[in-house]
């Protein structure tokens, strides 16, 4: 009905088009296990045609430009998506301007433009006050990455790309500047958390970032170091993962992600040898996700089994300020790996789909964990897709 309504040149048609494009280019584009053709699949050509039609019908509307930016990002062209929004200038509607800046900020974060991302997220706070704690956190962790780059000059390590060095006329001053800015922004997170609620509950991302900052503050006190030196595995890469950013990146961007992750176990983190199981699991999960996105599913599966699934019990992630999400999401990532392997040469397709179903059922039956709601639709879609393909899910137990 929405597709039918979108044909009409009136308000109803415009609203129908917005809903369709927001669903497919926003929500649906984050789903990993979905039909590749036929009913329920992503109608990319139809969406592209709809967007072209709406851009021609409303050439001055910034909403359609925003959707075009999302299309480019979904097609692994985040750099072009950034150029499109920057080149468009400011919108006369503050609400649209806020949406544009948030989309711009995410793409800058995905592509490791740390300074630009930090500036963009702070600008978002001047446009709306929906989640100031999240904006502060995202800007703060971007400065954590800048601090590491200026202090250590990049990273080499298992799976890491070439080292990245930022030349600076005064490296010590740059290091101090970014350390101070990271601490200034991150220490403001608690005072702004909880001020906005959805259905009387604190926003899930606010709960997450508040716990992360509390964890780093506790580690800083325990280790006798500055807050910026108590941060663990790349927090920007965590955010890229939770915002489904890896799906939007090309191999060159993914190489930068591997480099950022290699900071932890590549000899630059002085505390890595005694690091807790949750931090080690975060590194393994994020690295495995990047490898999977690059098509290296065999390496990704082996890493997930070796470092998380076969190595640690669920109880090891519970309690205190620990990150509990790597355990269930490692199972989810195994499911996605099997899904991606179904059409590889020499692979038994139905066995790959069955294994996918086994791991999906395991994570579907998991206890609550950080940001589990963000994966609810992914898991629901995966179960529906596998059942439609004739996969018997009854034997897949947690």
Protein backbone atom coordinates (compact mmCIF):
# COMPACT_ATOMS: atom_id res chain seq x y z
CA UNK A 1 0.00 0.00 0.00
CA UNK A 2 2.89 2.35 0.71
CA UNK A 3 4.37 1.67 -2.73
CA UNK A 4 0.99 2.42 -4.31
CA UNK A 5 0.59 5.65 -2.29
CA UNK A 6 4.10 6.80 -3.22
CA UNK A 7 3.02 7.11 -6.87
CA UNK A 8 0.84 10.15 -6.11
CA UNK A 9 2.16 13.71 -6.21
CA UNK A 10 0.69 14.83 -2.90
CA UNK A 11 1.45 14.83 0.83
CA UNK A 12 0.39 11.21 1.25
CA UNK A 13 2.69 10.15 -1.58
CA UNK A 14 5.62 12.05 -0.08
CA UNK A 15 5.07 10.54 3.37
CA UNK A 16 4.79 7.04 1.90
CA UNK A 17 8.05 7.56 0.03
CA UNK A 18 9.81 8.78 3.18
CA UNK A 19 8.67 5.78 5.20
CA UNK A 20 9.73 3.32 2.51
CA UNK A 21 13.16 4.83 2.04
CA UNK A 22 13.74 5.26 5.78
CA UNK A 23 12.86 1.58 6.30
CA UNK A 24 14.99 0.14 3.49
CA UNK A 25 17.97 2.53 3.62
CA UNK A 26 17.92 2.88 7.39
CA UNK A 27 16.57 -0.14 9.24
CA UNK A 28 16.67 -2.90 6.61
CA UNK A 29 20.18 -2.00 5.46
CA UNK A 30 21.52 -3.00 8.91
CA UNK A 31 20.17 -6.56 8.68
CA UNK A 32 22.73 -9.29 7.99
CA UNK A 33 20.53 -12.34 7.35
CA UNK A 34 17.66 -11.56 4.96
CA UNK A 35 16.32 -12.91 1.65
CA UNK A 36 18.65 -12.10 -1.24
CA UNK A 37 15.84 -12.24 -3.80
CA UNK A 38 12.07 -12.53 -4.01
CA UNK A 39 9.57 -11.54 -1.28
CA UNK A 40 11.13 -9.83 1.69
CA UNK A 41 14.39 -8.96 -0.07
CA UNK A 42 15.85 -5.48 -0.50
CA UNK A 43 14.24 -3.92 -3.64
CA UNK A 44 17.31 -1.79 -4.35
CA UNK A 45 16.42 -0.87 -7.92
CA UNK A 46 12.89 0.08 -6.90
CA UNK A 47 14.18 2.22 -4.02
CA UNK A 48 16.68 3.96 -6.30
CA UNK A 49 13.90 4.74 -8.77
CA UNK A 50 11.67 6.05 -5.98
CA UNK A 51 14.42 8.31 -4.68
CA UNK A 52 15.11 9.72 -8.15
CA UNK A 53 11.41 10.38 -8.58
CA UNK A 54 11.14 12.18 -5.24
CA UNK A 55 14.30 14.24 -5.83
CA UNK A 56 12.83 15.41 -9.15
CA UNK A 57 9.41 16.05 -7.61
CA UNK A 58 10.78 18.02 -4.62
CA UNK A 59 14.18 19.39 -5.77
CA UNK A 60 14.49 21.84 -2.86
CA UNK A 61 13.63 19.35 -0.10
CA UNK A 62 16.56 18.36 2.12
CA UNK A 63 14.80 15.22 3.32
CA UNK A 64 15.39 13.52 -0.02
CA UNK A 65 19.01 14.66 -0.06
CA UNK A 66 19.37 13.04 3.37
CA UNK A 67 17.92 9.82 1.96
CA UNK A 68 20.32 9.96 -0.98
CA UNK A 69 23.17 10.24 1.51
CA UNK A 70 21.90 7.12 3.29
CA UNK A 71 21.68 5.29 -0.03
CA UNK A 72 25.30 6.13 -0.82
CA UNK A 73 26.39 4.99 2.62
CA UNK A 74 24.46 1.72 2.27
CA UNK A 75 26.26 1.18 -1.06
CA UNK A 76 29.65 1.43 0.68
CA UNK A 77 30.27 4.98 -0.49
CA UNK A 78 30.41 6.86 2.84
CA UNK A 79 32.89 9.40 1.46
CA UNK A 80 30.42 10.46 -1.23
CA UNK A 81 27.65 10.53 1.37
CA UNK A 82 29.73 12.98 3.41
CA UNK A 83 30.43 15.17 0.38
CA UNK A 84 26.74 15.30 -0.48
CA UNK A 85 25.64 16.61 2.91
CA UNK A 86 28.57 19.01 3.32
CA UNK A 87 27.99 20.42 -0.16
CA UNK A 88 24.29 20.99 0.47
CA UNK A 89 24.82 23.59 3.17
CA UNK A 90 22.47 24.30 6.06
CA UNK A 91 18.78 23.39 6.03
CA UNK A 92 16.21 26.06 6.98
CA UNK A 93 14.42 23.42 9.09
CA UNK A 94 16.23 22.78 12.36
CA UNK A 95 14.87 19.21 12.66
CA UNK A 96 16.17 18.29 9.20
CA UNK A 97 19.47 20.02 9.92
CA UNK A 98 19.85 17.88 13.06
CA UNK A 99 19.19 14.68 11.09
CA UNK A 100 21.70 15.70 8.42
CA UNK A 101 24.39 16.45 10.96
CA UNK A 102 23.89 13.19 12.81
CA UNK A 103 24.13 11.22 9.56
CA UNK A 104 27.24 13.21 8.65
CA UNK A 105 28.76 12.55 12.07
CA UNK A 106 28.19 8.80 11.81
CA UNK A 107 29.82 8.59 8.38
CA UNK A 108 32.80 10.59 9.60
CA UNK A 109 33.14 8.20 12.51
CA UNK A 110 32.80 5.13 10.24
CA UNK A 111 35.59 6.44 7.99
CA UNK A 112 37.89 7.24 10.94
CA UNK A 113 37.83 11.01 10.47
CA UNK A 114 38.20 11.42 14.21
CA UNK A 115 38.58 15.20 14.51
CA UNK A 116 35.75 15.89 12.08
CA UNK A 117 33.55 13.33 13.86
CA UNK A 118 34.26 14.88 17.27
CA UNK A 119 33.41 18.35 15.99
CA UNK A 120 30.25 17.08 14.26
CA UNK A 121 28.88 15.28 17.30
CA UNK A 122 29.44 18.36 19.44
CA UNK A 123 27.63 20.44 16.83
CA UNK A 124 24.70 18.01 17.10
CA UNK A 125 24.25 19.17 20.70
CA UNK A 126 23.53 22.69 19.46
CA UNK A 127 20.74 21.41 17.20
CA UNK A 128 18.84 19.14 19.60
CA UNK A 129 19.05 17.81 23.13
CA UNK A 130 17.66 14.33 22.55
CA UNK A 131 20.72 12.45 23.87
CA UNK A 132 23.47 14.80 24.92
CA UNK A 133 25.25 12.05 26.84
CA UNK A 134 25.57 9.99 23.65
CA UNK A 135 26.89 12.98 21.68
CA UNK A 136 29.41 13.74 24.41
CA UNK A 137 30.52 10.12 24.51
CA UNK A 138 30.94 9.82 20.75
CA UNK A 139 32.93 13.06 20.61
CA UNK A 140 35.00 11.98 23.61
CA UNK A 141 36.00 8.58 22.23
CA UNK A 142 37.01 10.21 18.94
CA UNK A 143 39.51 12.25 20.95
CA UNK A 144 40.68 9.05 22.65
CA UNK A 145 41.62 7.73 19.19
CA UNK A 146 43.36 11.01 18.33
CA UNK A 147 45.27 10.82 21.60
CA UNK A 148 46.48 7.33 20.73
CA UNK A 149 47.46 8.29 17.20
CA UNK A 150 49.47 11.30 18.29
CA UNK A 151 51.09 9.52 21.22
CA UNK A 152 51.90 6.20 19.59
CA UNK A 153 51.85 7.00 15.87
CA UNK A 154 49.57 4.14 14.80
CA UNK A 155 49.67 0.42 15.48
CA UNK A 156 51.05 -2.84 14.16
CA UNK A 157 49.72 -6.16 15.33
CA UNK A 158 47.89 -9.34 14.38
CA UNK A 159 45.47 -8.47 11.62
CA UNK A 160 46.45 -4.81 11.62
CA UNK A 161 47.03 -2.73 8.53
CA UNK A 162 49.89 -0.38 7.89
CA UNK A 163 50.70 2.03 10.68
CA UNK A 164 49.14 5.46 10.49
CA UNK A 165 51.27 8.38 11.63
CA UNK A 166 50.00 11.92 12.09
CA UNK A 167 52.81 14.42 11.69
CA UNK A 168 52.66 17.13 14.30
CA UNK A 169 54.90 20.15 14.93
CA UNK A 170 54.44 19.65 18.64
CA UNK A 171 53.48 16.05 19.36
CA UNK A 172 53.51 16.46 23.14
CA UNK A 173 51.12 19.40 22.96
CA UNK A 174 48.78 17.46 20.67
CA UNK A 175 48.81 14.46 23.00
CA UNK A 176 48.00 16.65 26.01
CA UNK A 177 45.28 18.49 24.09
CA UNK A 178 43.43 15.37 23.03
CA UNK A 179 43.80 13.73 26.44
CA UNK A 180 42.29 16.79 28.11
CA UNK A 181 39.50 17.06 25.56
CA UNK A 182 38.62 13.36 25.88
CA UNK A 183 38.46 13.66 29.66
CA UNK A 184 36.44 16.90 29.50
CA UNK A 185 33.80 15.33 27.25
CA UNK A 186 33.63 11.89 28.86
CA UNK A 187 33.33 13.19 32.42
CA UNK A 188 30.23 15.15 31.35
CA UNK A 189 28.43 11.99 30.23
CA UNK A 190 27.03 11.01 33.68
CA UNK A 191 25.47 14.42 34.38
CA UNK A 192 23.49 14.32 31.12
CA UNK A 193 22.47 10.63 31.17
CA UNK A 194 18.88 9.77 32.02
CA UNK A 195 17.37 13.16 31.22
CA UNK A 196 15.60 11.80 28.14
CA UNK A 197 13.44 8.69 28.42
CA UNK A 198 11.46 6.46 26.08
CA UNK A 199 8.34 4.81 27.52
CA UNK A 200 9.58 5.86 31.00
CA UNK A 201 12.84 3.97 30.51
CA UNK A 202 16.36 5.29 30.11
CA UNK A 203 17.59 5.16 26.51
CA UNK A 204 19.60 1.94 25.93
CA UNK A 205 22.58 3.75 24.43
CA UNK A 206 22.68 6.14 27.39
CA UNK A 207 22.75 3.18 29.77
CA UNK A 208 25.58 1.68 27.73
CA UNK A 209 27.79 4.78 27.57
CA UNK A 210 27.21 5.58 31.25
CA UNK A 211 28.43 2.11 32.20
CA UNK A 212 31.44 2.40 29.88
CA UNK A 213 32.54 5.72 31.42
CA UNK A 214 32.03 4.33 34.93
CA UNK A 215 34.13 1.31 33.98
CA UNK A 216 36.97 3.50 32.70
CA UNK A 217 36.85 5.73 35.76
CA UNK A 218 37.10 2.68 38.02
CA UNK A 219 40.03 1.32 36.00
CA UNK A 220 41.78 4.71 36.10
CA UNK A 221 41.53 4.80 39.89
CA UNK A 222 42.59 1.18 40.25
CA UNK A 223 45.60 1.55 37.95
CA UNK A 224 46.55 5.06 39.00
CA UNK A 225 46.40 6.44 35.46
CA UNK A 226 44.53 9.19 33.63
CA UNK A 227 41.05 8.43 32.33
CA UNK A 228 42.22 8.38 28.70
CA UNK A 229 44.78 5.67 29.57
CA UNK A 230 42.13 3.49 31.23
CA UNK A 231 40.09 3.09 28.04
CA UNK A 232 40.29 -0.40 26.58
CA UNK A 233 39.74 -1.72 23.06
CA UNK A 234 38.96 1.00 20.53
CA UNK A 235 35.63 2.52 21.66
CA UNK A 236 35.08 4.02 18.20
CA UNK A 237 35.21 0.55 16.65
CA UNK A 238 32.62 -0.56 19.22
CA UNK A 239 30.34 2.23 18.08
CA UNK A 240 30.93 1.39 14.42
CA UNK A 241 29.84 -2.16 15.20
CA UNK A 242 26.68 -1.19 17.06
CA UNK A 243 25.67 1.28 14.33
CA UNK A 244 26.21 -1.42 11.65
CA UNK A 245 28.99 0.69 10.19
CA UNK A 246 31.18 -2.14 8.92
CA UNK A 247 28.52 -2.98 6.32
CA UNK A 248 29.04 0.50 4.84
CA UNK A 249 32.83 0.41 4.53
CA UNK A 250 35.18 -0.50 1.71
CA UNK A 251 38.33 -2.61 2.24
CA UNK A 252 40.53 0.48 2.74
CA UNK A 253 38.30 1.67 5.58
CA UNK A 254 38.22 -1.82 7.09
CA UNK A 255 42.02 -1.91 7.02
CA UNK A 256 41.97 1.25 9.15
CA UNK A 257 39.65 -0.55 11.58
CA UNK A 258 42.07 -3.45 11.88
CA UNK A 259 44.85 -0.96 12.58
CA UNK A 260 42.82 0.73 15.32
CA UNK A 261 42.05 -2.65 16.89
CA UNK A 262 45.70 -3.73 16.72
CA UNK A 263 46.56 -0.96 19.19
CA UNK A 264 45.37 -3.23 22.02
CA UNK A 265 47.41 -6.38 21.42
CA UNK A 266 50.05 -4.94 19.10
CA UNK A 267 52.41 -3.89 21.87
CA UNK A 268 51.14 -0.36 22.48
CA UNK A 269 48.67 -0.94 25.33
CA UNK A 270 50.81 -1.34 28.47
CA UNK A 271 47.95 -3.03 30.33
CA UNK A 272 46.98 -5.61 27.72
CA UNK A 273 48.87 -8.53 29.26
CA UNK A 274 46.68 -8.40 32.36
CA UNK A 275 43.47 -7.35 30.60
CA UNK A 276 40.13 -8.86 31.65
CA UNK A 277 38.22 -11.45 29.65
CA UNK A 278 35.55 -9.00 28.50
CA UNK A 279 38.08 -6.64 26.88
CA UNK A 280 39.88 -9.53 25.18
CA UNK A 281 36.53 -10.78 23.90
CA UNK A 282 35.58 -7.34 22.58
CA UNK A 283 38.78 -7.27 20.55
CA UNK A 284 38.17 -10.76 19.17
CA UNK A 285 34.56 -10.03 18.27
CA UNK A 286 35.28 -6.74 16.50
CA UNK A 287 38.28 -8.14 14.64
CA UNK A 288 36.25 -11.18 13.58
CA UNK A 289 33.46 -8.93 12.30
CA UNK A 290 35.90 -6.95 10.17
CA UNK A 291 37.39 -10.18 8.80
CA UNK A 292 33.90 -11.47 7.97
CA UNK A 293 33.05 -8.22 6.20
CA UNK A 294 36.21 -8.69 4.14
CA UNK A 295 35.01 -12.18 3.19
CA UNK A 296 37.53 -14.00 5.41
CA UNK A 297 34.86 -16.11 7.11
CA UNK A 298 37.11 -19.06 7.96
CA UNK A 299 39.47 -16.82 9.95
CA UNK A 300 36.54 -15.06 11.58
CA UNK A 301 34.90 -18.28 12.77
CA UNK A 302 38.15 -19.69 14.11
CA UNK A 303 38.83 -16.49 16.05
CA UNK A 304 35.34 -16.41 17.57
CA UNK A 305 35.56 -20.04 18.69
CA UNK A 306 39.11 -19.77 20.01
CA UNK A 307 38.78 -16.52 21.93
CA UNK A 308 35.14 -16.49 23.07
CA UNK A 309 32.74 -19.36 22.37
CA UNK A 310 35.04 -22.28 23.29
CA UNK A 311 37.12 -20.36 25.83
CA UNK A 312 34.79 -18.67 28.30
CA UNK A 313 31.54 -19.38 30.12
CA UNK A 314 28.69 -16.87 30.18
CA UNK A 315 29.21 -16.34 33.91
CA UNK A 316 32.63 -14.82 33.28
CA UNK A 317 30.98 -11.80 31.63
CA UNK A 318 28.41 -11.11 34.33
CA UNK A 319 28.44 -8.59 37.13
CA UNK A 320 30.06 -5.29 37.97
CA UNK A 321 30.96 -3.00 35.10
CA UNK A 322 31.92 -5.79 32.70
CA UNK A 323 30.91 -5.76 29.04
CA UNK A 324 28.56 -8.72 28.69
CA UNK A 325 27.65 -8.39 25.01
CA UNK A 326 30.62 -10.19 23.35
CA UNK A 327 29.39 -13.63 24.50
CA UNK A 328 25.93 -13.61 22.83
CA UNK A 329 27.03 -11.53 19.84
CA UNK A 330 29.88 -13.96 19.12
CA UNK A 331 27.13 -16.55 18.55
CA UNK A 332 25.31 -14.09 16.32
CA UNK A 333 28.47 -13.45 14.32
CA UNK A 334 28.98 -17.20 13.84
CA UNK A 335 25.47 -17.36 12.39
CA UNK A 336 26.24 -14.54 9.95
CA UNK A 337 29.48 -16.24 8.90
CA UNK A 338 27.63 -19.45 8.06
CA UNK A 339 25.02 -17.43 6.17
CA UNK A 340 27.71 -15.75 4.08
CA UNK A 341 29.32 -19.11 3.30
CA UNK A 342 26.21 -20.76 1.88
CA UNK A 343 27.14 -20.13 -1.77
CA UNK A 344 30.91 -20.63 -1.50
CA UNK A 345 32.44 -23.38 -3.65
CA UNK A 346 32.61 -26.71 -1.85
CA UNK A 347 30.14 -25.68 0.85
CA UNK A 348 27.00 -27.74 1.53
CA UNK A 349 24.41 -24.97 1.33
CA UNK A 350 21.74 -26.56 3.51
CA UNK A 351 24.30 -27.52 6.15
CA UNK A 352 25.57 -23.92 6.22
CA UNK A 353 22.01 -22.67 6.64
CA UNK A 354 21.35 -25.26 9.35
CA UNK A 355 24.45 -24.13 11.26
CA UNK A 356 23.30 -20.54 10.82
CA UNK A 357 19.97 -21.51 12.39
CA UNK A 358 21.67 -23.26 15.30
CA UNK A 359 23.63 -20.16 16.27
CA UNK A 360 20.68 -17.82 15.72
CA UNK A 361 18.56 -19.89 18.08
CA UNK A 362 21.30 -19.81 20.69
CA UNK A 363 21.49 -16.02 20.72
CA UNK A 364 17.68 -15.70 20.49
CA UNK A 365 17.36 -17.62 23.77
CA UNK A 366 20.13 -15.64 25.53
CA UNK A 367 19.72 -13.67 28.72
CA UNK A 368 19.49 -9.90 28.45
CA UNK A 369 22.71 -8.13 27.53
CA UNK A 370 23.92 -4.65 26.58
CA UNK A 371 21.98 -3.14 23.65
CA UNK A 372 20.17 -6.43 22.96
CA UNK A 373 17.21 -4.49 21.55
CA UNK A 374 19.37 -3.35 18.62
CA UNK A 375 19.77 -6.96 17.56
CA UNK A 376 16.14 -7.97 18.10
CA UNK A 377 15.00 -7.20 14.56
CA UNK A 378 18.14 -8.80 13.11
CA UNK A 379 17.44 -12.04 14.96
CA UNK A 380 13.71 -11.99 14.15
CA UNK A 381 14.41 -11.40 10.46
CA UNK A 382 17.06 -14.13 10.43
CA UNK A 383 14.67 -16.70 11.95
CA UNK A 384 11.93 -15.82 9.46
CA UNK A 385 14.37 -15.97 6.54
CA UNK A 386 15.76 -19.37 7.53
CA UNK A 387 12.31 -20.86 8.07
CA UNK A 388 11.23 -19.59 4.65
CA UNK A 389 14.25 -21.39 3.17
CA UNK A 390 13.15 -24.67 4.73
CA UNK A 391 15.62 -24.77 7.62
CA UNK A 392 14.36 -26.88 10.53
CA UNK A 393 14.88 -24.64 13.57
CA UNK A 394 13.44 -27.11 16.09
CA UNK A 395 16.76 -28.82 16.71
CA UNK A 396 18.61 -25.61 17.42
CA UNK A 397 18.64 -25.21 21.18
CA UNK A 398 20.59 -22.81 23.41
